[in-house]
Amino acid sequence: MSLRVLVIPEDPKNNGYTLEPLVKWVLEEAGRPRAQIKVLSSPRTRGYESAVNELRNPLLHDRYRDHSLWLFFPDADLAKGLKDLCNAVSRSPVTLLACAAKPEIEIYPLLSELGRLDFSWGDLRDHARLKEDVFEPLLLRHPAHRNAGGGRREMIAETLKTPERLKNACPELMELIKSVKNALEDSLK
């Protein structure tokens, strides 16, 4: 039986375009290339607190109990108590893992655009308004800005063409890959 993975974004409307291919890559790196991925869109989460409330909602567990691995991707600026949340939500047959994107999800597609930006990678990782001040203006200039997702899917596809660069630039993704591998090994015991 194939692994079914539920991805919980803070907001699926835009983050889903980035997270679906990113999670596919994470699962490939973790040795599960044929895993089925579902980005939660119903109920639609609208921010960190909304996502946390849904993660704790028993109705979500009933609806997605056939997805044994849940991945939560909060922005690091708001993420707090993730270990406690994962422990509270993880119950058989669901395992919740969280990966706080530093500073937020938009950092991952930006890696492909680094040479076109007036910021160092360190400045981007520490930027307090990355999405509003850097990412959104860049999207408006992106050749695919009129496509679904405004160019997000195309930008993350470019980022994923250089996986070693992504691994080196975003250690939280390496931690997630390791956690996924461990969770899958533990489920086989």
N, C-alpha and C. Protein backbone atom coordinates (compact mmCIF):
# COMPACT_ATOMS: atom_id res chain seq x y z
N MET A 1 0.84 -1.18 0.00
CA MET A 1 0.00 0.00 0.00
C MET A 1 0.89 1.25 0.00
N SER A 2 0.49 2.21 -0.76
CA SER A 2 1.28 3.44 -0.90
C SER A 2 1.09 4.35 0.30
N LEU A 3 2.15 5.03 0.65
CA LEU A 3 2.12 6.01 1.73
C LEU A 3 1.26 7.19 1.29
N ARG A 4 0.34 7.59 2.14
CA ARG A 4 -0.50 8.77 1.87
C ARG A 4 -0.11 9.86 2.86
N VAL A 5 0.18 11.04 2.30
CA VAL A 5 0.72 12.15 3.08
C VAL A 5 -0.21 13.35 2.97
N LEU A 6 -0.58 13.91 4.11
CA LEU A 6 -1.38 15.13 4.15
C LEU A 6 -0.46 16.28 4.49
N VAL A 7 -0.46 17.31 3.65
CA VAL A 7 0.36 18.50 3.86
C VAL A 7 -0.53 19.62 4.36
N ILE A 8 -0.17 20.19 5.50
CA ILE A 8 -0.98 21.24 6.10
C ILE A 8 -0.21 22.56 6.01
N PRO A 9 -0.65 23.45 5.13
CA PRO A 9 -0.02 24.77 5.03
C PRO A 9 -0.75 25.76 5.92
N GLU A 10 -0.14 26.91 6.13
CA GLU A 10 -0.86 27.98 6.81
C GLU A 10 -1.98 28.50 5.92
N ASP A 11 -1.75 28.49 4.61
CA ASP A 11 -2.76 28.93 3.65
C ASP A 11 -2.53 28.17 2.35
N PRO A 12 -3.46 27.29 1.97
CA PRO A 12 -3.24 26.47 0.78
C PRO A 12 -3.36 27.24 -0.54
N LYS A 13 -4.00 28.39 -0.53
CA LYS A 13 -4.25 29.11 -1.78
C LYS A 13 -2.95 29.35 -2.54
N ASN A 14 -1.95 29.87 -1.89
CA ASN A 14 -0.67 30.13 -2.54
C ASN A 14 0.40 29.13 -2.14
N ASN A 15 0.44 28.74 -0.88
CA ASN A 15 1.49 27.85 -0.41
C ASN A 15 1.43 26.46 -1.05
N GLY A 16 0.26 26.04 -1.46
CA GLY A 16 0.13 24.73 -2.08
C GLY A 16 0.96 24.58 -3.34
N TYR A 17 1.09 25.64 -4.10
CA TYR A 17 1.88 25.60 -5.34
C TYR A 17 3.36 25.34 -5.05
N THR A 18 3.81 25.78 -3.91
CA THR A 18 5.20 25.54 -3.50
C THR A 18 5.33 24.20 -2.78
N LEU A 19 4.40 23.92 -1.88
CA LEU A 19 4.56 22.76 -1.01
C LEU A 19 4.38 21.42 -1.71
N GLU A 20 3.47 21.31 -2.65
CA GLU A 20 3.26 20.01 -3.29
C GLU A 20 4.54 19.50 -3.95
N PRO A 21 5.21 20.28 -4.83
CA PRO A 21 6.46 19.77 -5.40
C PRO A 21 7.59 19.65 -4.38
N LEU A 22 7.62 20.54 -3.40
CA LEU A 22 8.65 20.46 -2.38
C LEU A 22 8.50 19.18 -1.56
N VAL A 23 7.29 18.85 -1.16
CA VAL A 23 7.05 17.63 -0.38
C VAL A 23 7.33 16.39 -1.22
N LYS A 24 7.00 16.44 -2.49
CA LYS A 24 7.33 15.31 -3.38
C LYS A 24 8.83 15.06 -3.34
N TRP A 25 9.62 16.13 -3.43
CA TRP A 25 11.08 16.00 -3.35
C TRP A 25 11.52 15.46 -1.99
N VAL A 26 10.96 15.99 -0.90
CA VAL A 26 11.30 15.52 0.45
C VAL A 26 11.05 14.02 0.56
N LEU A 27 9.91 13.57 0.06
CA LEU A 27 9.57 12.15 0.15
C LEU A 27 10.48 11.29 -0.74
N GLU A 28 10.85 11.81 -1.88
CA GLU A 28 11.82 11.10 -2.73
C GLU A 28 13.14 10.94 -1.98
N GLU A 29 13.60 12.02 -1.35
CA GLU A 29 14.85 11.99 -0.58
C GLU A 29 14.74 11.02 0.60
N ALA A 30 13.54 10.87 1.12
CA ALA A 30 13.32 9.96 2.26
C ALA A 30 13.07 8.52 1.80
N GLY A 31 13.14 8.28 0.50
CA GLY A 31 12.99 6.93 -0.02
C GLY A 31 11.57 6.52 -0.35
N ARG A 32 10.66 7.48 -0.45
CA ARG A 32 9.26 7.17 -0.77
C ARG A 32 8.78 7.95 -2.00
N PRO A 33 9.34 7.66 -3.16
CA PRO A 33 9.01 8.43 -4.37
C PRO A 33 7.58 8.26 -4.87
N ARG A 34 6.92 7.19 -4.46
CA ARG A 34 5.55 6.95 -4.96
C ARG A 34 4.47 7.35 -3.96
N ALA A 35 4.85 8.06 -2.93
CA ALA A 35 3.87 8.49 -1.93
C ALA A 35 2.83 9.40 -2.57
N GLN A 36 1.61 9.27 -2.10
CA GLN A 36 0.52 10.12 -2.57
C GLN A 36 0.44 11.33 -1.65
N ILE A 37 0.40 12.51 -2.28
CA ILE A 37 0.43 13.77 -1.52
C ILE A 37 -0.87 14.52 -1.70
N LYS A 38 -1.43 14.99 -0.60
CA LYS A 38 -2.63 15.81 -0.62
C LYS A 38 -2.35 17.07 0.20
N VAL A 39 -2.47 18.23 -0.44
CA VAL A 39 -2.35 19.49 0.29
C VAL A 39 -3.74 19.84 0.83
N LEU A 40 -3.84 20.00 2.12
CA LEU A 40 -5.12 20.30 2.75
C LEU A 40 -5.69 21.61 2.19
N SER A 41 -6.87 21.50 1.61
CA SER A 41 -7.55 22.70 1.11
C SER A 41 -8.96 22.83 1.67
N SER A 42 -9.44 21.75 2.27
CA SER A 42 -10.77 21.77 2.87
C SER A 42 -10.72 20.95 4.16
N PRO A 43 -10.87 21.58 5.28
CA PRO A 43 -11.16 22.99 5.46
C PRO A 43 -9.93 23.85 5.14
N ARG A 44 -10.18 25.03 4.64
CA ARG A 44 -9.10 25.93 4.26
C ARG A 44 -8.55 26.63 5.50
N THR A 45 -7.27 26.46 5.70
CA THR A 45 -6.61 27.14 6.81
C THR A 45 -6.25 28.56 6.37
N ARG A 46 -6.26 29.46 7.32
CA ARG A 46 -5.96 30.87 7.03
C ARG A 46 -5.04 31.42 8.11
N GLY A 47 -3.80 30.95 8.07
CA GLY A 47 -2.82 31.41 9.03
C GLY A 47 -2.44 30.33 10.03
N TYR A 48 -1.47 30.66 10.84
CA TYR A 48 -0.90 29.70 11.79
C TYR A 48 -1.94 29.17 12.78
N GLU A 49 -2.64 30.07 13.46
CA GLU A 49 -3.61 29.64 14.48
C GLU A 49 -4.72 28.79 13.87
N SER A 50 -5.17 29.16 12.68
CA SER A 50 -6.19 28.38 11.99
C SER A 50 -5.69 26.96 11.70
N ALA A 51 -4.46 26.85 11.23
CA ALA A 51 -3.89 25.53 10.93
C ALA A 51 -3.76 24.70 12.21
N VAL A 52 -3.28 25.32 13.28
CA VAL A 52 -3.13 24.60 14.55
C VAL A 52 -4.50 24.12 15.04
N ASN A 53 -5.50 24.97 14.96
CA ASN A 53 -6.85 24.57 15.37
C ASN A 53 -7.35 23.38 14.57
N GLU A 54 -7.10 23.39 13.27
CA GLU A 54 -7.53 22.25 12.44
C GLU A 54 -6.76 20.99 12.79
N LEU A 55 -5.47 21.12 13.06
CA LEU A 55 -4.67 19.96 13.43
C LEU A 55 -5.18 19.30 14.70
N ARG A 56 -5.76 20.09 15.57
CA ARG A 56 -6.29 19.55 16.83
C ARG A 56 -7.76 19.10 16.70
N ASN A 57 -8.35 19.36 15.58
CA ASN A 57 -9.77 19.07 15.36
C ASN A 57 -9.98 17.57 15.09
N PRO A 58 -10.75 16.88 15.92
CA PRO A 58 -10.99 15.45 15.69
C PRO A 58 -11.65 15.16 14.34
N LEU A 59 -12.41 16.10 13.83
CA LEU A 59 -13.05 15.88 12.52
C LEU A 59 -12.01 15.75 11.40
N LEU A 60 -10.91 16.50 11.51
CA LEU A 60 -9.84 16.40 10.52
C LEU A 60 -9.21 15.01 10.59
N HIS A 61 -9.04 14.51 11.81
CA HIS A 61 -8.48 13.17 11.99
C HIS A 61 -9.40 12.12 11.40
N ASP A 62 -10.69 12.27 11.58
CA ASP A 62 -11.63 11.32 10.99
C ASP A 62 -11.59 11.36 9.47
N ARG A 63 -11.56 12.56 8.95
CA ARG A 63 -11.61 12.74 7.49
C ARG A 63 -10.33 12.25 6.80
N TYR A 64 -9.19 12.45 7.43
CA TYR A 64 -7.91 12.10 6.79
C TYR A 64 -7.16 11.00 7.54
N ARG A 65 -7.87 10.10 8.17
CA ARG A 65 -7.22 9.03 8.93
C ARG A 65 -6.46 8.06 8.02
N ASP A 66 -6.79 8.06 6.72
CA ASP A 66 -6.07 7.18 5.80
C ASP A 66 -4.74 7.78 5.33
N HIS A 67 -4.45 9.01 5.76
CA HIS A 67 -3.17 9.65 5.50
C HIS A 67 -2.33 9.49 6.77
N SER A 68 -1.42 8.54 6.77
CA SER A 68 -0.71 8.21 8.01
C SER A 68 0.38 9.20 8.39
N LEU A 69 0.85 9.99 7.41
CA LEU A 69 1.88 10.99 7.70
C LEU A 69 1.33 12.36 7.37
N TRP A 70 1.37 13.24 8.35
CA TRP A 70 0.93 14.62 8.16
C TRP A 70 2.15 15.52 8.31
N LEU A 71 2.30 16.47 7.39
CA LEU A 71 3.41 17.41 7.41
C LEU A 71 2.86 18.82 7.52
N PHE A 72 3.27 19.53 8.55
CA PHE A 72 2.82 20.89 8.81
C PHE A 72 3.96 21.85 8.51
N PHE A 73 3.69 22.87 7.70
CA PHE A 73 4.70 23.83 7.27
C PHE A 73 4.34 25.24 7.71
N PRO A 74 4.60 25.57 8.97
CA PRO A 74 4.36 26.95 9.42
C PRO A 74 5.55 27.84 9.08
N ASP A 75 5.28 29.12 9.04
CA ASP A 75 6.36 30.10 8.92
C ASP A 75 7.05 30.18 10.28
N ALA A 76 8.37 30.27 10.26
CA ALA A 76 9.15 30.24 11.51
C ALA A 76 8.85 31.41 12.42
N ASP A 77 8.43 32.53 11.85
CA ASP A 77 8.19 33.70 12.70
C ASP A 77 7.04 33.50 13.68
N LEU A 78 6.14 32.61 13.38
CA LEU A 78 5.01 32.36 14.27
C LEU A 78 5.07 31.02 14.98
N ALA A 79 5.86 30.12 14.44
CA ALA A 79 5.89 28.76 14.96
C ALA A 79 6.41 28.73 16.39
N LYS A 80 5.63 28.15 17.24
CA LYS A 80 6.03 27.99 18.63
C LYS A 80 5.41 26.70 19.15
N GLY A 81 6.14 26.04 19.98
CA GLY A 81 5.62 24.81 20.58
C GLY A 81 5.35 23.70 19.57
N LEU A 82 6.15 23.63 18.50
CA LEU A 82 5.88 22.63 17.47
C LEU A 82 6.06 21.20 17.97
N LYS A 83 7.06 20.98 18.81
CA LYS A 83 7.29 19.63 19.32
C LYS A 83 6.09 19.17 20.15
N ASP A 84 5.58 20.05 21.00
CA ASP A 84 4.40 19.71 21.80
C ASP A 84 3.19 19.47 20.92
N LEU A 85 3.03 20.30 19.89
CA LEU A 85 1.91 20.12 18.96
C LEU A 85 2.00 18.76 18.27
N CYS A 86 3.18 18.43 17.77
CA CYS A 86 3.36 17.16 17.07
C CYS A 86 3.06 15.98 18.00
N ASN A 87 3.53 16.07 19.24
CA ASN A 87 3.26 15.00 20.21
C ASN A 87 1.78 14.90 20.52
N ALA A 88 1.10 16.03 20.63
CA ALA A 88 -0.32 16.02 20.97
C ALA A 88 -1.17 15.49 19.81
N VAL A 89 -0.80 15.82 18.59
CA VAL A 89 -1.60 15.45 17.43
C VAL A 89 -1.28 14.03 16.97
N SER A 90 -0.03 13.63 17.08
CA SER A 90 0.37 12.31 16.60
C SER A 90 -0.28 11.23 17.46
N ARG A 91 -1.09 10.48 16.82
CA ARG A 91 -1.70 9.32 17.47
C ARG A 91 -2.01 8.32 16.37
N SER A 92 -2.01 7.10 16.74
CA SER A 92 -2.20 6.06 15.74
C SER A 92 -3.50 6.28 15.00
N PRO A 93 -3.52 6.22 13.71
CA PRO A 93 -2.42 5.88 12.80
C PRO A 93 -1.73 7.12 12.20
N VAL A 94 -1.88 8.28 12.82
CA VAL A 94 -1.33 9.51 12.26
C VAL A 94 -0.04 9.92 12.95
N THR A 95 0.95 10.30 12.15
CA THR A 95 2.17 10.91 12.66
C THR A 95 2.26 12.31 12.08
N LEU A 96 2.38 13.31 12.95
CA LEU A 96 2.53 14.70 12.51
C LEU A 96 3.98 15.12 12.69
N LEU A 97 4.56 15.65 11.60
CA LEU A 97 5.88 16.26 11.64
C LEU A 97 5.74 17.70 11.18
N ALA A 98 6.51 18.59 11.80
CA ALA A 98 6.45 20.00 11.44
C ALA A 98 7.81 20.47 10.94
N CYS A 99 7.75 21.36 9.95
CA CYS A 99 8.96 21.96 9.40
C CYS A 99 8.72 23.47 9.31
N ALA A 100 9.32 24.21 10.23
CA ALA A 100 9.15 25.66 10.22
C ALA A 100 10.07 26.27 9.17
N ALA A 101 9.48 26.89 8.18
CA ALA A 101 10.22 27.52 7.09
C ALA A 101 10.81 28.84 7.58
N LYS A 102 12.11 28.98 7.45
CA LYS A 102 12.77 30.20 7.94
C LYS A 102 13.07 31.15 6.79
N PRO A 103 12.47 32.33 6.77
CA PRO A 103 11.49 32.84 7.72
C PRO A 103 10.06 32.41 7.38
N GLU A 104 9.81 32.06 6.11
CA GLU A 104 8.47 31.61 5.70
C GLU A 104 8.58 30.81 4.41
N ILE A 105 7.50 30.18 4.01
CA ILE A 105 7.46 29.26 2.87
C ILE A 105 8.07 29.87 1.61
N GLU A 106 7.92 31.14 1.43
CA GLU A 106 8.39 31.79 0.20
C GLU A 106 9.90 31.76 0.03
N ILE A 107 10.63 31.38 1.08
CA ILE A 107 12.09 31.30 0.97
C ILE A 107 12.52 30.23 -0.02
N TYR A 108 11.79 29.13 -0.10
CA TYR A 108 12.22 28.01 -0.94
C TYR A 108 12.23 28.36 -2.43
N PRO A 109 11.17 28.92 -2.98
CA PRO A 109 11.24 29.30 -4.40
C PRO A 109 12.25 30.42 -4.67
N LEU A 110 12.52 31.24 -3.67
CA LEU A 110 13.47 32.35 -3.87
C LEU A 110 14.89 31.87 -4.12
N LEU A 111 15.22 30.66 -3.71
CA LEU A 111 16.58 30.17 -3.92
C LEU A 111 16.93 30.17 -5.40
N SER A 112 15.96 29.91 -6.26
CA SER A 112 16.24 29.90 -7.71
C SER A 112 16.46 31.31 -8.26
N GLU A 113 16.07 32.32 -7.53
CA GLU A 113 16.16 33.70 -7.99
C GLU A 113 17.29 34.48 -7.31
N LEU A 114 18.08 33.81 -6.50
CA LEU A 114 19.07 34.49 -5.67
C LEU A 114 19.99 35.42 -6.46
N GLY A 115 20.45 35.00 -7.61
CA GLY A 115 21.34 35.83 -8.41
C GLY A 115 20.71 37.09 -8.96
N ARG A 116 19.38 37.14 -8.95
CA ARG A 116 18.66 38.31 -9.47
C ARG A 116 18.21 39.26 -8.37
N LEU A 117 18.55 38.94 -7.15
CA LEU A 117 18.09 39.75 -6.02
C LEU A 117 19.25 40.55 -5.42
N ASP A 118 18.90 41.64 -4.79
CA ASP A 118 19.90 42.49 -4.13
C ASP A 118 20.07 42.13 -2.65
N PHE A 119 19.90 40.86 -2.35
CA PHE A 119 20.02 40.39 -0.97
C PHE A 119 20.92 39.17 -0.93
N SER A 120 21.64 39.01 0.16
CA SER A 120 22.37 37.77 0.37
C SER A 120 21.39 36.72 0.88
N TRP A 121 21.79 35.46 0.83
CA TRP A 121 20.92 34.40 1.34
C TRP A 121 20.66 34.60 2.83
N GLY A 122 21.69 34.98 3.57
CA GLY A 122 21.51 35.22 5.01
C GLY A 122 20.52 36.34 5.28
N ASP A 123 20.59 37.40 4.47
CA ASP A 123 19.62 38.50 4.64
C ASP A 123 18.20 38.03 4.36
N LEU A 124 18.04 37.19 3.35
CA LEU A 124 16.70 36.67 3.03
C LEU A 124 16.18 35.78 4.15
N ARG A 125 17.04 34.93 4.68
CA ARG A 125 16.62 34.02 5.75
C ARG A 125 16.23 34.76 7.03
N ASP A 126 16.76 35.97 7.20
CA ASP A 126 16.44 36.76 8.39
C ASP A 126 15.43 37.88 8.12
N HIS A 127 14.96 38.00 6.91
CA HIS A 127 14.08 39.11 6.51
C HIS A 127 12.74 39.02 7.23
N ALA A 128 12.34 40.09 7.89
CA ALA A 128 11.10 40.10 8.67
C ALA A 128 9.85 40.18 7.80
N ARG A 129 9.97 40.71 6.59
CA ARG A 129 8.80 40.84 5.68
C ARG A 129 9.15 40.28 4.30
N LEU A 130 9.67 39.08 4.30
CA LEU A 130 10.15 38.46 3.06
C LEU A 130 9.07 38.38 1.99
N LYS A 131 7.91 37.89 2.37
CA LYS A 131 6.85 37.72 1.38
C LYS A 131 6.42 39.06 0.80
N GLU A 132 6.17 40.02 1.65
CA GLU A 132 5.64 41.31 1.20
C GLU A 132 6.68 42.16 0.47
N ASP A 133 7.91 42.20 0.98
CA ASP A 133 8.91 43.12 0.44
C ASP A 133 9.78 42.54 -0.66
N VAL A 134 9.95 41.22 -0.69
CA VAL A 134 10.85 40.62 -1.68
C VAL A 134 10.09 39.70 -2.63
N PHE A 135 9.36 38.74 -2.07
CA PHE A 135 8.75 37.69 -2.89
C PHE A 135 7.64 38.21 -3.80
N GLU A 136 6.67 38.91 -3.23
CA GLU A 136 5.54 39.37 -4.05
C GLU A 136 5.96 40.32 -5.16
N PRO A 137 6.86 41.30 -4.92
CA PRO A 137 7.31 42.13 -6.04
C PRO A 137 8.03 41.31 -7.13
N LEU A 138 8.79 40.30 -6.71
CA LEU A 138 9.47 39.44 -7.68
C LEU A 138 8.46 38.65 -8.51
N LEU A 139 7.40 38.16 -7.87
CA LEU A 139 6.37 37.42 -8.61
C LEU A 139 5.75 38.27 -9.72
N LEU A 140 5.52 39.52 -9.43
CA LEU A 140 4.91 40.39 -10.44
C LEU A 140 5.77 40.54 -11.68
N ARG A 141 7.08 40.35 -11.54
CA ARG A 141 7.99 40.45 -12.68
C ARG A 141 8.30 39.10 -13.31
N HIS A 142 7.88 38.02 -12.67
CA HIS A 142 8.21 36.68 -13.16
C HIS A 142 7.45 36.39 -14.45
N PRO A 143 8.12 35.75 -15.43
CA PRO A 143 7.44 35.45 -16.70
C PRO A 143 6.16 34.62 -16.55
N ALA A 144 6.07 33.83 -15.49
CA ALA A 144 4.88 32.98 -15.28
C ALA A 144 3.89 33.61 -14.31
N HIS A 145 3.96 34.91 -14.08
CA HIS A 145 3.12 35.52 -13.05
C HIS A 145 1.63 35.44 -13.36
N ARG A 146 1.27 35.19 -14.60
CA ARG A 146 -0.16 35.06 -14.94
C ARG A 146 -0.65 33.62 -14.86
N ASN A 147 0.24 32.68 -14.63
CA ASN A 147 -0.15 31.28 -14.48
C ASN A 147 -0.79 31.07 -13.10
N ALA A 148 -1.46 29.93 -12.96
CA ALA A 148 -1.99 29.56 -11.65
C ALA A 148 -0.84 29.56 -10.66
N GLY A 149 -1.02 30.20 -9.54
CA GLY A 149 0.03 30.28 -8.54
C GLY A 149 0.98 31.44 -8.74
N GLY A 150 0.80 32.18 -9.83
CA GLY A 150 1.58 33.39 -10.05
C GLY A 150 3.06 33.19 -10.29
N GLY A 151 3.49 31.98 -10.64
CA GLY A 151 4.90 31.70 -10.86
C GLY A 151 5.53 30.88 -9.75
N ARG A 152 4.79 30.62 -8.69
CA ARG A 152 5.33 29.86 -7.56
C ARG A 152 5.78 28.46 -7.99
N ARG A 153 4.92 27.77 -8.74
CA ARG A 153 5.23 26.40 -9.17
C ARG A 153 6.50 26.39 -10.03
N GLU A 154 6.62 27.38 -10.91
CA GLU A 154 7.78 27.45 -11.80
C GLU A 154 9.05 27.77 -11.02
N MET A 155 8.94 28.66 -10.04
CA MET A 155 10.11 29.02 -9.24
C MET A 155 10.60 27.85 -8.38
N ILE A 156 9.67 27.12 -7.75
CA ILE A 156 10.11 25.99 -6.92
C ILE A 156 10.66 24.88 -7.81
N ALA A 157 10.13 24.73 -9.02
CA ALA A 157 10.67 23.73 -9.94
C ALA A 157 12.13 24.04 -10.26
N GLU A 158 12.43 25.32 -10.45
CA GLU A 158 13.82 25.73 -10.69
C GLU A 158 14.69 25.45 -9.47
N THR A 159 14.18 25.75 -8.31
CA THR A 159 14.93 25.49 -7.08
C THR A 159 15.24 24.00 -6.95
N LEU A 160 14.27 23.15 -7.26
CA LEU A 160 14.43 21.71 -7.08
C LEU A 160 15.38 21.09 -8.10
N LYS A 161 15.76 21.85 -9.11
CA LYS A 161 16.75 21.35 -10.09
C LYS A 161 18.15 21.28 -9.49
N THR A 162 18.36 21.97 -8.38
CA THR A 162 19.67 21.96 -7.71
C THR A 162 19.47 21.51 -6.26
N PRO A 163 19.17 20.22 -6.07
CA PRO A 163 18.83 19.74 -4.72
C PRO A 163 19.95 19.90 -3.70
N GLU A 164 21.19 19.77 -4.11
CA GLU A 164 22.28 19.92 -3.15
C GLU A 164 22.33 21.35 -2.61
N ARG A 165 22.07 22.29 -3.48
CA ARG A 165 22.04 23.70 -3.06
C ARG A 165 20.92 23.92 -2.04
N LEU A 166 19.76 23.32 -2.32
CA LEU A 166 18.62 23.44 -1.41
C LEU A 166 18.95 22.81 -0.06
N LYS A 167 19.57 21.65 -0.08
CA LYS A 167 19.94 20.97 1.16
C LYS A 167 20.89 21.83 1.99
N ASN A 168 21.85 22.44 1.33
CA ASN A 168 22.82 23.27 2.04
C ASN A 168 22.22 24.57 2.54
N ALA A 169 21.30 25.13 1.78
CA ALA A 169 20.74 26.44 2.12
C ALA A 169 19.63 26.37 3.16
N CYS A 170 18.96 25.23 3.26
CA CYS A 170 17.77 25.12 4.13
C CYS A 170 17.89 23.89 5.03
N PRO A 171 18.64 24.01 6.12
CA PRO A 171 18.86 22.84 6.99
C PRO A 171 17.57 22.28 7.58
N GLU A 172 16.53 23.09 7.70
CA GLU A 172 15.27 22.57 8.24
C GLU A 172 14.67 21.49 7.33
N LEU A 173 14.94 21.57 6.03
CA LEU A 173 14.45 20.54 5.11
C LEU A 173 15.22 19.24 5.30
N MET A 174 16.51 19.35 5.58
CA MET A 174 17.30 18.14 5.86
C MET A 174 16.81 17.48 7.15
N GLU A 175 16.46 18.28 8.13
CA GLU A 175 15.90 17.74 9.38
C GLU A 175 14.56 17.05 9.11
N LEU A 176 13.76 17.64 8.24
CA LEU A 176 12.47 17.04 7.91
C LEU A 176 12.67 15.69 7.20
N ILE A 177 13.58 15.65 6.25
CA ILE A 177 13.85 14.39 5.54
C ILE A 177 14.26 13.31 6.54
N LYS A 178 15.14 13.67 7.46
CA LYS A 178 15.59 12.73 8.49
C LYS A 178 14.42 12.29 9.37
N SER A 179 13.56 13.23 9.75
CA SER A 179 12.40 12.90 10.58
C SER A 179 11.41 11.99 9.85
N VAL A 180 11.22 12.25 8.55
CA VAL A 180 10.32 11.39 7.76
C VAL A 180 10.89 9.97 7.71
N LYS A 181 12.18 9.86 7.43
CA LYS A 181 12.81 8.52 7.38
C LYS A 181 12.63 7.81 8.72
N ASN A 182 12.88 8.51 9.83
CA ASN A 182 12.74 7.90 11.16
C ASN A 182 11.30 7.49 11.43
N ALA A 183 10.36 8.35 11.08
CA ALA A 183 8.94 8.03 11.31
C ALA A 183 8.52 6.81 10.51
N LEU A 184 8.98 6.72 9.27
CA LEU A 184 8.63 5.57 8.45
C LEU A 184 9.28 4.29 8.96
N GLU A 185 10.52 4.38 9.43
CA GLU A 185 11.17 3.21 10.02
C GLU A 185 10.44 2.77 11.28
N ASP A 186 10.04 3.73 12.11
CA ASP A 186 9.33 3.41 13.36
C ASP A 186 7.97 2.76 13.06
N SER A 187 7.32 3.17 11.98
CA SER A 187 6.01 2.59 11.66
C SER A 187 6.12 1.14 11.20
N LEU A 188 7.30 0.74 10.76
CA LEU A 188 7.50 -0.65 10.30
C LEU A 188 7.84 -1.59 11.44
N LYS A 189 8.14 -1.03 12.62
CA LYS A 189 8.53 -1.88 13.76
C LYS A 189 7.33 -2.50 14.40
